[in-house]
Amino acid sequence: MRWLTDNSRLEKLSQANKWLMLDNELFLDKDNSIYITPRNYMTDNYTIPDCLAGLAGNKSKYDVRPSHIHDFICTWHQAIKVNLTEQELIDKGFLKQHKNKIICEDIPIKFLECVNFTKWGADCLFKRAMKATGAIPPCIYNLYRFGVFFNIGWSVGYHPPFDLYEIYEEVI
């Protein structure tokens, strides 16, 4: 498991703690599934109550890619799986180096599918994604994984299925 892309550039939005991802992010999971968090997805990076942020440091102190994929899955109860291998992504020109960064160009929806996730699955993927950064200390990713266990937002409200035809539209 590892991150195939570098961090997305983020644009600060007018709402407090809201950011717009300007680039796609790809995560290769332990079963060789590749998941994309699409550009134009709105995130708050790590959702840590201000009163608890001191325990783990600044909300955005660590690599924020794991929070993006976790937030996306929590919003839709689905992830977007890429039905290409890493080598196929490179061969087709979707995964490449640009200005000293590894980036992911928009992948056509014919190579994507939405896959359902349970809360447990989403939270475990979150921990694997944090670990895969190589930059988040184990004490922190274990603390964050423990914290998301108590996220009651998963079961509150309606979670419509994600529409792949709107993948690169602004999701605000």
N, C-alpha and C. Protein backbone atom coordinates (compact mmCIF):
# COMPACT_ATOMS: atom_id res chain seq x y z
N MET A 1 0.84 -1.18 0.00
CA MET A 1 0.00 0.00 0.00
C MET A 1 0.88 1.23 0.00
N ARG A 2 0.47 2.17 -0.83
CA ARG A 2 1.24 3.41 -0.93
C ARG A 2 0.44 4.44 -1.73
N TRP A 3 0.87 5.66 -1.57
CA TRP A 3 0.28 6.75 -2.34
C TRP A 3 0.96 6.81 -3.70
N LEU A 4 0.18 6.86 -4.77
CA LEU A 4 0.73 6.93 -6.11
C LEU A 4 0.94 8.37 -6.57
N THR A 5 0.25 9.30 -5.92
CA THR A 5 0.36 10.72 -6.28
C THR A 5 0.84 11.52 -5.08
N ASP A 6 1.36 12.68 -5.39
CA ASP A 6 1.72 13.62 -4.34
C ASP A 6 0.45 14.31 -3.83
N ASN A 7 0.59 15.11 -2.80
CA ASN A 7 -0.53 15.86 -2.24
C ASN A 7 -1.16 16.76 -3.29
N SER A 8 -2.48 16.82 -3.25
CA SER A 8 -3.20 17.76 -4.10
C SER A 8 -2.89 19.19 -3.65
N ARG A 9 -2.87 20.09 -4.59
CA ARG A 9 -2.87 21.49 -4.21
C ARG A 9 -4.25 21.79 -3.64
N LEU A 10 -4.33 22.68 -2.69
CA LEU A 10 -5.60 23.02 -2.04
C LEU A 10 -5.87 24.51 -2.19
N GLU A 11 -7.13 24.83 -2.44
CA GLU A 11 -7.55 26.23 -2.51
C GLU A 11 -8.45 26.50 -1.31
N LYS A 12 -8.10 27.51 -0.51
CA LYS A 12 -8.90 27.86 0.66
C LYS A 12 -10.22 28.44 0.20
N LEU A 13 -11.32 27.93 0.76
CA LEU A 13 -12.64 28.44 0.45
C LEU A 13 -13.08 29.45 1.51
N SER A 14 -14.15 30.14 1.26
CA SER A 14 -14.59 31.18 2.20
C SER A 14 -15.14 30.60 3.50
N GLN A 15 -15.64 29.38 3.47
CA GLN A 15 -16.13 28.75 4.70
C GLN A 15 -14.96 28.36 5.60
N ALA A 16 -15.17 28.41 6.90
CA ALA A 16 -14.12 28.04 7.84
C ALA A 16 -13.73 26.57 7.64
N ASN A 17 -12.44 26.31 7.67
CA ASN A 17 -11.90 24.95 7.56
C ASN A 17 -12.34 24.21 6.30
N LYS A 18 -12.57 24.90 5.22
CA LYS A 18 -12.97 24.24 3.96
C LYS A 18 -11.96 24.53 2.88
N TRP A 19 -11.59 23.47 2.17
CA TRP A 19 -10.58 23.53 1.12
C TRP A 19 -11.09 22.78 -0.09
N LEU A 20 -10.70 23.23 -1.27
CA LEU A 20 -11.05 22.57 -2.52
C LEU A 20 -9.79 21.89 -3.06
N MET A 21 -9.90 20.59 -3.32
CA MET A 21 -8.77 19.86 -3.90
C MET A 21 -8.66 20.23 -5.38
N LEU A 22 -7.47 20.62 -5.80
CA LEU A 22 -7.26 21.01 -7.19
C LEU A 22 -6.69 19.89 -8.04
N ASP A 23 -6.27 18.81 -7.40
CA ASP A 23 -5.67 17.68 -8.12
C ASP A 23 -6.27 16.37 -7.63
N ASN A 24 -6.24 15.38 -8.50
CA ASN A 24 -6.66 14.03 -8.12
C ASN A 24 -5.58 13.39 -7.24
N GLU A 25 -6.01 12.54 -6.33
CA GLU A 25 -5.08 11.78 -5.50
C GLU A 25 -5.39 10.29 -5.66
N LEU A 26 -4.34 9.48 -5.81
CA LEU A 26 -4.49 8.03 -5.98
C LEU A 26 -3.82 7.29 -4.85
N PHE A 27 -4.54 6.30 -4.31
CA PHE A 27 -4.02 5.44 -3.25
C PHE A 27 -4.08 3.99 -3.69
N LEU A 28 -2.96 3.30 -3.60
CA LEU A 28 -2.87 1.87 -3.90
C LEU A 28 -2.99 1.13 -2.58
N ASP A 29 -4.08 0.37 -2.42
CA ASP A 29 -4.34 -0.32 -1.16
C ASP A 29 -3.65 -1.67 -1.12
N LYS A 30 -3.72 -2.31 0.02
CA LYS A 30 -2.99 -3.56 0.24
C LYS A 30 -3.44 -4.70 -0.67
N ASP A 31 -4.66 -4.65 -1.19
CA ASP A 31 -5.15 -5.69 -2.11
C ASP A 31 -4.93 -5.30 -3.57
N ASN A 32 -4.12 -4.27 -3.80
CA ASN A 32 -3.81 -3.72 -5.13
C ASN A 32 -4.96 -2.94 -5.75
N SER A 33 -6.01 -2.67 -5.00
CA SER A 33 -7.06 -1.77 -5.48
C SER A 33 -6.50 -0.36 -5.47
N ILE A 34 -6.84 0.40 -6.50
CA ILE A 34 -6.43 1.80 -6.57
C ILE A 34 -7.69 2.64 -6.44
N TYR A 35 -7.65 3.60 -5.52
CA TYR A 35 -8.78 4.48 -5.28
C TYR A 35 -8.38 5.91 -5.63
N ILE A 36 -9.33 6.64 -6.20
CA ILE A 36 -9.09 8.04 -6.55
C ILE A 36 -9.98 8.93 -5.68
N THR A 37 -9.38 9.98 -5.15
CA THR A 37 -10.15 11.07 -4.57
C THR A 37 -10.06 12.18 -5.61
N PRO A 38 -11.19 12.54 -6.22
CA PRO A 38 -11.13 13.42 -7.39
C PRO A 38 -10.90 14.89 -7.04
N ARG A 39 -10.28 15.56 -8.00
CA ARG A 39 -10.12 17.01 -7.88
C ARG A 39 -11.51 17.63 -7.77
N ASN A 40 -11.55 18.82 -7.25
CA ASN A 40 -12.79 19.57 -7.02
C ASN A 40 -13.64 19.00 -5.90
N TYR A 41 -13.06 18.13 -5.09
CA TYR A 41 -13.76 17.66 -3.90
C TYR A 41 -13.45 18.63 -2.76
N MET A 42 -14.49 19.01 -2.01
CA MET A 42 -14.30 19.92 -0.88
C MET A 42 -14.01 19.09 0.37
N THR A 43 -13.00 19.51 1.10
CA THR A 43 -12.59 18.79 2.30
C THR A 43 -12.33 19.78 3.42
N ASP A 44 -12.28 19.26 4.62
CA ASP A 44 -11.85 20.08 5.75
C ASP A 44 -10.52 19.55 6.28
N ASN A 45 -9.85 18.74 5.47
CA ASN A 45 -8.64 18.04 5.88
C ASN A 45 -9.00 17.17 7.09
N TYR A 46 -8.26 17.21 8.15
CA TYR A 46 -8.60 16.37 9.29
C TYR A 46 -9.68 17.03 10.12
N THR A 47 -10.76 16.29 10.37
CA THR A 47 -11.86 16.79 11.17
C THR A 47 -11.56 16.47 12.63
N ILE A 48 -10.91 17.39 13.27
CA ILE A 48 -10.56 17.22 14.68
C ILE A 48 -11.15 18.41 15.42
N PRO A 49 -11.95 18.16 16.45
CA PRO A 49 -12.46 19.29 17.22
C PRO A 49 -11.30 20.17 17.71
N ASP A 50 -11.50 21.47 17.66
CA ASP A 50 -10.44 22.39 18.06
C ASP A 50 -9.91 22.08 19.46
N CYS A 51 -10.80 21.68 20.35
CA CYS A 51 -10.37 21.42 21.73
C CYS A 51 -9.47 20.20 21.83
N LEU A 52 -9.52 19.30 20.83
CA LEU A 52 -8.68 18.09 20.85
C LEU A 52 -7.49 18.18 19.92
N ALA A 53 -7.46 19.18 19.07
CA ALA A 53 -6.38 19.28 18.08
C ALA A 53 -5.01 19.36 18.73
N GLY A 54 -4.94 19.90 19.93
CA GLY A 54 -3.66 20.00 20.64
C GLY A 54 -3.03 18.66 20.94
N LEU A 55 -3.85 17.62 21.09
CA LEU A 55 -3.31 16.29 21.38
C LEU A 55 -2.49 15.75 20.21
N ALA A 56 -2.93 16.04 19.01
CA ALA A 56 -2.29 15.48 17.83
C ALA A 56 -1.57 16.53 17.00
N GLY A 57 -1.59 17.74 17.42
CA GLY A 57 -0.96 18.80 16.65
C GLY A 57 -1.97 19.50 15.77
N ASN A 58 -1.50 20.45 15.02
CA ASN A 58 -2.34 21.21 14.11
C ASN A 58 -3.16 20.29 13.22
N LYS A 59 -4.36 20.68 12.87
CA LYS A 59 -5.24 19.86 12.05
C LYS A 59 -4.62 19.47 10.71
N SER A 60 -3.79 20.30 10.16
CA SER A 60 -3.19 20.02 8.86
C SER A 60 -1.68 19.85 8.97
N LYS A 61 -1.21 19.50 10.15
CA LYS A 61 0.23 19.33 10.37
C LYS A 61 0.78 18.16 9.56
N TYR A 62 -0.03 17.12 9.44
CA TYR A 62 0.43 15.91 8.77
C TYR A 62 -0.11 15.83 7.35
N ASP A 63 0.40 14.89 6.60
CA ASP A 63 -0.05 14.63 5.23
C ASP A 63 -1.58 14.48 5.25
N VAL A 64 -2.26 15.28 4.45
CA VAL A 64 -3.73 15.31 4.51
C VAL A 64 -4.41 14.38 3.51
N ARG A 65 -3.65 13.70 2.66
CA ARG A 65 -4.28 12.80 1.68
C ARG A 65 -5.17 11.74 2.34
N PRO A 66 -4.75 11.12 3.45
CA PRO A 66 -5.65 10.13 4.07
C PRO A 66 -6.99 10.72 4.49
N SER A 67 -6.99 11.96 4.95
CA SER A 67 -8.25 12.58 5.35
C SER A 67 -9.16 12.80 4.15
N HIS A 68 -8.58 13.09 3.00
CA HIS A 68 -9.38 13.32 1.79
C HIS A 68 -10.13 12.07 1.37
N ILE A 69 -9.43 10.94 1.29
CA ILE A 69 -10.09 9.71 0.87
C ILE A 69 -11.11 9.27 1.92
N HIS A 70 -10.78 9.44 3.19
CA HIS A 70 -11.70 9.06 4.26
C HIS A 70 -12.95 9.95 4.23
N ASP A 71 -12.76 11.25 4.07
CA ASP A 71 -13.91 12.16 4.00
C ASP A 71 -14.82 11.80 2.82
N PHE A 72 -14.20 11.50 1.68
CA PHE A 72 -14.99 11.14 0.50
C PHE A 72 -15.83 9.89 0.77
N ILE A 73 -15.19 8.87 1.33
CA ILE A 73 -15.92 7.63 1.61
C ILE A 73 -17.02 7.87 2.65
N CYS A 74 -16.73 8.68 3.64
CA CYS A 74 -17.75 8.97 4.67
C CYS A 74 -18.92 9.76 4.09
N THR A 75 -18.66 10.62 3.13
CA THR A 75 -19.72 11.40 2.50
C THR A 75 -20.65 10.52 1.68
N TRP A 76 -20.07 9.61 0.90
CA TRP A 76 -20.85 8.84 -0.07
C TRP A 76 -21.06 7.37 0.33
N HIS A 77 -20.36 6.92 1.38
CA HIS A 77 -20.37 5.50 1.75
C HIS A 77 -19.87 4.64 0.59
N GLN A 78 -19.08 5.26 -0.27
CA GLN A 78 -18.49 4.62 -1.43
C GLN A 78 -17.11 5.23 -1.67
N ALA A 79 -16.30 4.46 -2.36
CA ALA A 79 -15.04 4.98 -2.88
C ALA A 79 -15.07 4.80 -4.39
N ILE A 80 -14.21 5.53 -5.06
CA ILE A 80 -14.10 5.38 -6.51
C ILE A 80 -12.87 4.53 -6.79
N LYS A 81 -13.12 3.36 -7.32
CA LYS A 81 -12.04 2.42 -7.63
C LYS A 81 -11.63 2.57 -9.09
N VAL A 82 -10.32 2.56 -9.32
CA VAL A 82 -9.76 2.66 -10.66
C VAL A 82 -9.54 1.24 -11.16
N ASN A 83 -10.11 0.92 -12.31
CA ASN A 83 -9.98 -0.42 -12.86
C ASN A 83 -8.83 -0.51 -13.87
N LEU A 84 -7.71 0.06 -13.48
CA LEU A 84 -6.46 -0.02 -14.23
C LEU A 84 -5.35 -0.30 -13.22
N THR A 85 -4.29 -0.93 -13.67
CA THR A 85 -3.13 -1.11 -12.81
C THR A 85 -2.30 0.17 -12.82
N GLU A 86 -1.35 0.23 -11.92
CA GLU A 86 -0.45 1.39 -11.89
C GLU A 86 0.27 1.52 -13.24
N GLN A 87 0.74 0.40 -13.78
CA GLN A 87 1.45 0.44 -15.06
C GLN A 87 0.54 0.90 -16.18
N GLU A 88 -0.70 0.46 -16.18
CA GLU A 88 -1.65 0.91 -17.21
C GLU A 88 -1.93 2.40 -17.08
N LEU A 89 -2.00 2.90 -15.85
CA LEU A 89 -2.19 4.33 -15.64
C LEU A 89 -1.02 5.12 -16.23
N ILE A 90 0.18 4.60 -16.05
CA ILE A 90 1.37 5.25 -16.60
C ILE A 90 1.36 5.16 -18.13
N ASP A 91 1.10 3.96 -18.64
CA ASP A 91 1.12 3.76 -20.10
C ASP A 91 0.09 4.62 -20.81
N LYS A 92 -1.07 4.84 -20.20
CA LYS A 92 -2.13 5.65 -20.81
C LYS A 92 -1.94 7.15 -20.55
N GLY A 93 -0.92 7.50 -19.79
CA GLY A 93 -0.62 8.91 -19.55
C GLY A 93 -1.43 9.55 -18.44
N PHE A 94 -2.14 8.74 -17.64
CA PHE A 94 -2.93 9.30 -16.54
C PHE A 94 -2.09 9.56 -15.29
N LEU A 95 -1.04 8.79 -15.11
CA LEU A 95 -0.16 8.94 -13.95
C LEU A 95 1.21 9.32 -14.48
N LYS A 96 1.68 10.51 -14.10
CA LYS A 96 2.95 10.98 -14.65
C LYS A 96 3.60 12.01 -13.75
N GLN A 97 4.83 12.29 -14.06
CA GLN A 97 5.56 13.32 -13.33
C GLN A 97 5.36 14.65 -14.03
N HIS A 98 5.12 15.68 -13.23
CA HIS A 98 4.94 17.03 -13.75
C HIS A 98 5.54 18.00 -12.73
N LYS A 99 6.56 18.71 -13.14
CA LYS A 99 7.21 19.69 -12.26
C LYS A 99 7.59 19.08 -10.91
N ASN A 100 8.29 17.96 -10.95
CA ASN A 100 8.79 17.28 -9.75
C ASN A 100 7.69 16.73 -8.84
N LYS A 101 6.50 16.57 -9.36
CA LYS A 101 5.41 15.96 -8.59
C LYS A 101 4.81 14.83 -9.42
N ILE A 102 4.34 13.80 -8.75
CA ILE A 102 3.60 12.74 -9.42
C ILE A 102 2.13 13.15 -9.37
N ILE A 103 1.53 13.28 -10.55
CA ILE A 103 0.14 13.73 -10.64
C ILE A 103 -0.70 12.70 -11.37
N CYS A 104 -2.00 12.83 -11.23
CA CYS A 104 -2.96 11.97 -11.92
C CYS A 104 -3.87 12.85 -12.75
N GLU A 105 -3.79 12.67 -14.06
CA GLU A 105 -4.73 13.36 -14.96
C GLU A 105 -6.11 12.75 -14.75
N ASP A 106 -7.15 13.43 -15.22
CA ASP A 106 -8.51 12.89 -15.10
C ASP A 106 -8.60 11.54 -15.81
N ILE A 107 -9.12 10.56 -15.11
CA ILE A 107 -9.28 9.22 -15.64
C ILE A 107 -10.71 9.10 -16.16
N PRO A 108 -10.90 8.71 -17.41
CA PRO A 108 -12.27 8.57 -17.94
C PRO A 108 -13.09 7.59 -17.11
N ILE A 109 -14.39 7.87 -17.02
CA ILE A 109 -15.24 7.05 -16.15
C ILE A 109 -15.35 5.61 -16.61
N LYS A 110 -15.02 5.31 -17.85
CA LYS A 110 -15.07 3.90 -18.29
C LYS A 110 -14.05 3.04 -17.54
N PHE A 111 -13.06 3.68 -16.88
CA PHE A 111 -12.06 2.95 -16.10
C PHE A 111 -12.33 3.04 -14.59
N LEU A 112 -13.49 3.56 -14.21
CA LEU A 112 -13.81 3.78 -12.80
C LEU A 112 -15.09 3.06 -12.41
N GLU A 113 -15.19 2.74 -11.12
CA GLU A 113 -16.44 2.21 -10.58
C GLU A 113 -16.57 2.63 -9.13
N CYS A 114 -17.80 2.80 -8.68
CA CYS A 114 -18.07 3.10 -7.28
C CYS A 114 -18.19 1.78 -6.53
N VAL A 115 -17.51 1.68 -5.41
CA VAL A 115 -17.60 0.49 -4.57
C VAL A 115 -18.08 0.91 -3.18
N ASN A 116 -18.99 0.13 -2.63
CA ASN A 116 -19.56 0.43 -1.33
C ASN A 116 -18.56 0.12 -0.22
N PHE A 117 -18.65 0.91 0.84
CA PHE A 117 -17.81 0.72 2.02
C PHE A 117 -18.66 0.71 3.26
N THR A 118 -18.26 -0.09 4.24
CA THR A 118 -18.83 -0.02 5.58
C THR A 118 -18.03 1.03 6.35
N LYS A 119 -18.55 1.44 7.48
CA LYS A 119 -17.81 2.39 8.31
C LYS A 119 -16.49 1.77 8.75
N TRP A 120 -16.53 0.51 9.17
CA TRP A 120 -15.31 -0.18 9.61
C TRP A 120 -14.29 -0.20 8.48
N GLY A 121 -14.73 -0.54 7.28
CA GLY A 121 -13.82 -0.58 6.13
C GLY A 121 -13.22 0.78 5.83
N ALA A 122 -14.04 1.82 5.91
CA ALA A 122 -13.56 3.18 5.65
C ALA A 122 -12.52 3.59 6.70
N ASP A 123 -12.78 3.28 7.95
CA ASP A 123 -11.87 3.66 9.03
C ASP A 123 -10.56 2.88 8.96
N CYS A 124 -10.63 1.61 8.59
CA CYS A 124 -9.41 0.81 8.45
C CYS A 124 -8.58 1.29 7.26
N LEU A 125 -9.25 1.64 6.16
CA LEU A 125 -8.53 2.19 5.00
C LEU A 125 -7.85 3.50 5.39
N PHE A 126 -8.53 4.30 6.19
CA PHE A 126 -7.97 5.57 6.68
C PHE A 126 -6.64 5.31 7.40
N LYS A 127 -6.63 4.33 8.28
CA LYS A 127 -5.39 4.02 9.01
C LYS A 127 -4.30 3.54 8.05
N ARG A 128 -4.65 2.67 7.11
CA ARG A 128 -3.65 2.20 6.14
C ARG A 128 -3.11 3.37 5.31
N ALA A 129 -4.00 4.29 4.93
CA ALA A 129 -3.59 5.44 4.13
C ALA A 129 -2.67 6.36 4.93
N MET A 130 -2.95 6.53 6.22
CA MET A 130 -2.06 7.34 7.06
C MET A 130 -0.70 6.67 7.19
N LYS A 131 -0.71 5.38 7.45
CA LYS A 131 0.54 4.63 7.59
C LYS A 131 1.36 4.71 6.29
N ALA A 132 0.68 4.63 5.16
CA ALA A 132 1.35 4.62 3.86
C ALA A 132 2.05 5.95 3.53
N THR A 133 1.71 7.02 4.21
CA THR A 133 2.40 8.29 3.94
C THR A 133 3.86 8.21 4.35
N GLY A 134 4.14 7.39 5.36
CA GLY A 134 5.50 7.30 5.88
C GLY A 134 5.90 8.52 6.69
N ALA A 135 4.97 9.45 6.88
CA ALA A 135 5.29 10.70 7.57
C ALA A 135 4.46 10.93 8.83
N ILE A 136 3.47 10.08 9.05
CA ILE A 136 2.61 10.24 10.22
C ILE A 136 3.05 9.21 11.26
N PRO A 137 3.45 9.66 12.44
CA PRO A 137 3.92 8.72 13.46
C PRO A 137 2.82 7.74 13.88
N PRO A 138 3.21 6.51 14.22
CA PRO A 138 2.21 5.52 14.64
C PRO A 138 1.31 6.00 15.79
N CYS A 139 1.85 6.72 16.74
CA CYS A 139 1.01 7.19 17.85
C CYS A 139 -0.09 8.13 17.33
N ILE A 140 0.20 8.88 16.27
CA ILE A 140 -0.79 9.80 15.71
C ILE A 140 -1.80 9.05 14.86
N TYR A 141 -1.35 8.17 13.96
CA TYR A 141 -2.35 7.49 13.13
C TYR A 141 -3.20 6.54 13.95
N ASN A 142 -2.68 6.00 15.03
CA ASN A 142 -3.53 5.18 15.91
C ASN A 142 -4.53 6.05 16.67
N LEU A 143 -4.10 7.23 17.09
CA LEU A 143 -5.01 8.16 17.76
C LEU A 143 -6.13 8.60 16.82
N TYR A 144 -5.77 8.95 15.59
CA TYR A 144 -6.78 9.38 14.61
C TYR A 144 -7.73 8.23 14.29
N ARG A 145 -7.18 7.02 14.13
CA ARG A 145 -8.03 5.85 13.83
C ARG A 145 -9.00 5.63 14.99
N PHE A 146 -8.53 5.76 16.22
CA PHE A 146 -9.39 5.62 17.39
C PHE A 146 -10.47 6.71 17.37
N GLY A 147 -10.09 7.93 17.01
CA GLY A 147 -11.03 9.04 16.99
C GLY A 147 -12.16 8.86 15.99
N VAL A 148 -11.86 8.35 14.80
CA VAL A 148 -12.91 8.19 13.79
C VAL A 148 -13.89 7.08 14.15
N PHE A 149 -13.48 6.21 15.05
CA PHE A 149 -14.40 5.17 15.53
C PHE A 149 -15.66 5.79 16.12
N PHE A 150 -15.53 6.97 16.71
CA PHE A 150 -16.64 7.64 17.38
C PHE A 150 -17.39 8.62 16.47
N ASN A 151 -17.09 8.63 15.19
CA ASN A 151 -17.75 9.53 14.26
C ASN A 151 -19.20 9.08 14.05
N ILE A 152 -20.14 9.83 14.63
CA ILE A 152 -21.55 9.45 14.50
C ILE A 152 -22.15 9.94 13.18
N GLY A 153 -21.42 10.78 12.46
CA GLY A 153 -21.91 11.32 11.20
C GLY A 153 -22.17 10.25 10.15
N TRP A 154 -21.52 9.11 10.28
CA TRP A 154 -21.69 8.03 9.31
C TRP A 154 -23.15 7.61 9.20
N SER A 155 -23.82 7.51 10.32
CA SER A 155 -25.19 6.98 10.32
C SER A 155 -26.26 8.07 10.32
N VAL A 156 -25.86 9.32 10.26
CA VAL A 156 -26.81 10.42 10.31
C VAL A 156 -27.05 10.95 8.89
N GLY A 157 -28.29 11.09 8.54
CA GLY A 157 -28.64 11.70 7.26
C GLY A 157 -28.62 10.73 6.10
N TYR A 158 -29.00 11.26 4.96
CA TYR A 158 -29.09 10.49 3.73
C TYR A 158 -27.76 10.56 2.99
N HIS A 159 -27.30 9.44 2.50
CA HIS A 159 -26.05 9.39 1.75
C HIS A 159 -26.35 8.83 0.36
N PRO A 160 -26.57 9.72 -0.60
CA PRO A 160 -26.91 9.25 -1.95
C PRO A 160 -25.71 8.57 -2.60
N PRO A 161 -25.95 7.70 -3.57
CA PRO A 161 -24.82 7.12 -4.29
C PRO A 161 -24.11 8.20 -5.09
N PHE A 162 -22.81 8.03 -5.26
CA PHE A 162 -22.03 9.00 -6.02
C PHE A 162 -22.30 8.82 -7.51
N ASP A 163 -22.42 9.91 -8.23
CA ASP A 163 -22.66 9.89 -9.67
C ASP A 163 -21.33 10.08 -10.40
N LEU A 164 -20.82 9.00 -10.98
CA LEU A 164 -19.53 9.09 -11.67
C LEU A 164 -19.51 10.10 -12.80
N TYR A 165 -20.67 10.40 -13.37
CA TYR A 165 -20.71 11.37 -14.46
C TYR A 165 -20.40 12.79 -13.97
N GLU A 166 -20.39 12.96 -12.67
CA GLU A 166 -20.08 14.27 -12.08
C GLU A 166 -18.75 14.25 -11.33
N ILE A 167 -17.92 13.27 -11.62
CA ILE A 167 -16.69 13.07 -10.84
C ILE A 167 -15.79 14.29 -10.76
N TYR A 168 -15.63 15.01 -11.83
CA TYR A 168 -14.69 16.13 -11.80
C TYR A 168 -15.39 17.48 -11.66
N GLU A 169 -16.67 17.45 -11.33
CA GLU A 169 -17.42 18.68 -11.05
C GLU A 169 -17.10 19.09 -9.61
N GLU A 170 -17.37 20.33 -9.28
CA GLU A 170 -17.16 20.77 -7.91
C GLU A 170 -18.14 20.07 -7.00
N VAL A 171 -17.61 19.44 -5.96
CA VAL A 171 -18.43 18.73 -4.98
C VAL A 171 -18.39 19.53 -3.69
N ILE A 172 -19.26 20.53 -3.63
CA ILE A 172 -19.25 21.43 -2.46
C ILE A 172 -20.57 21.31 -1.74
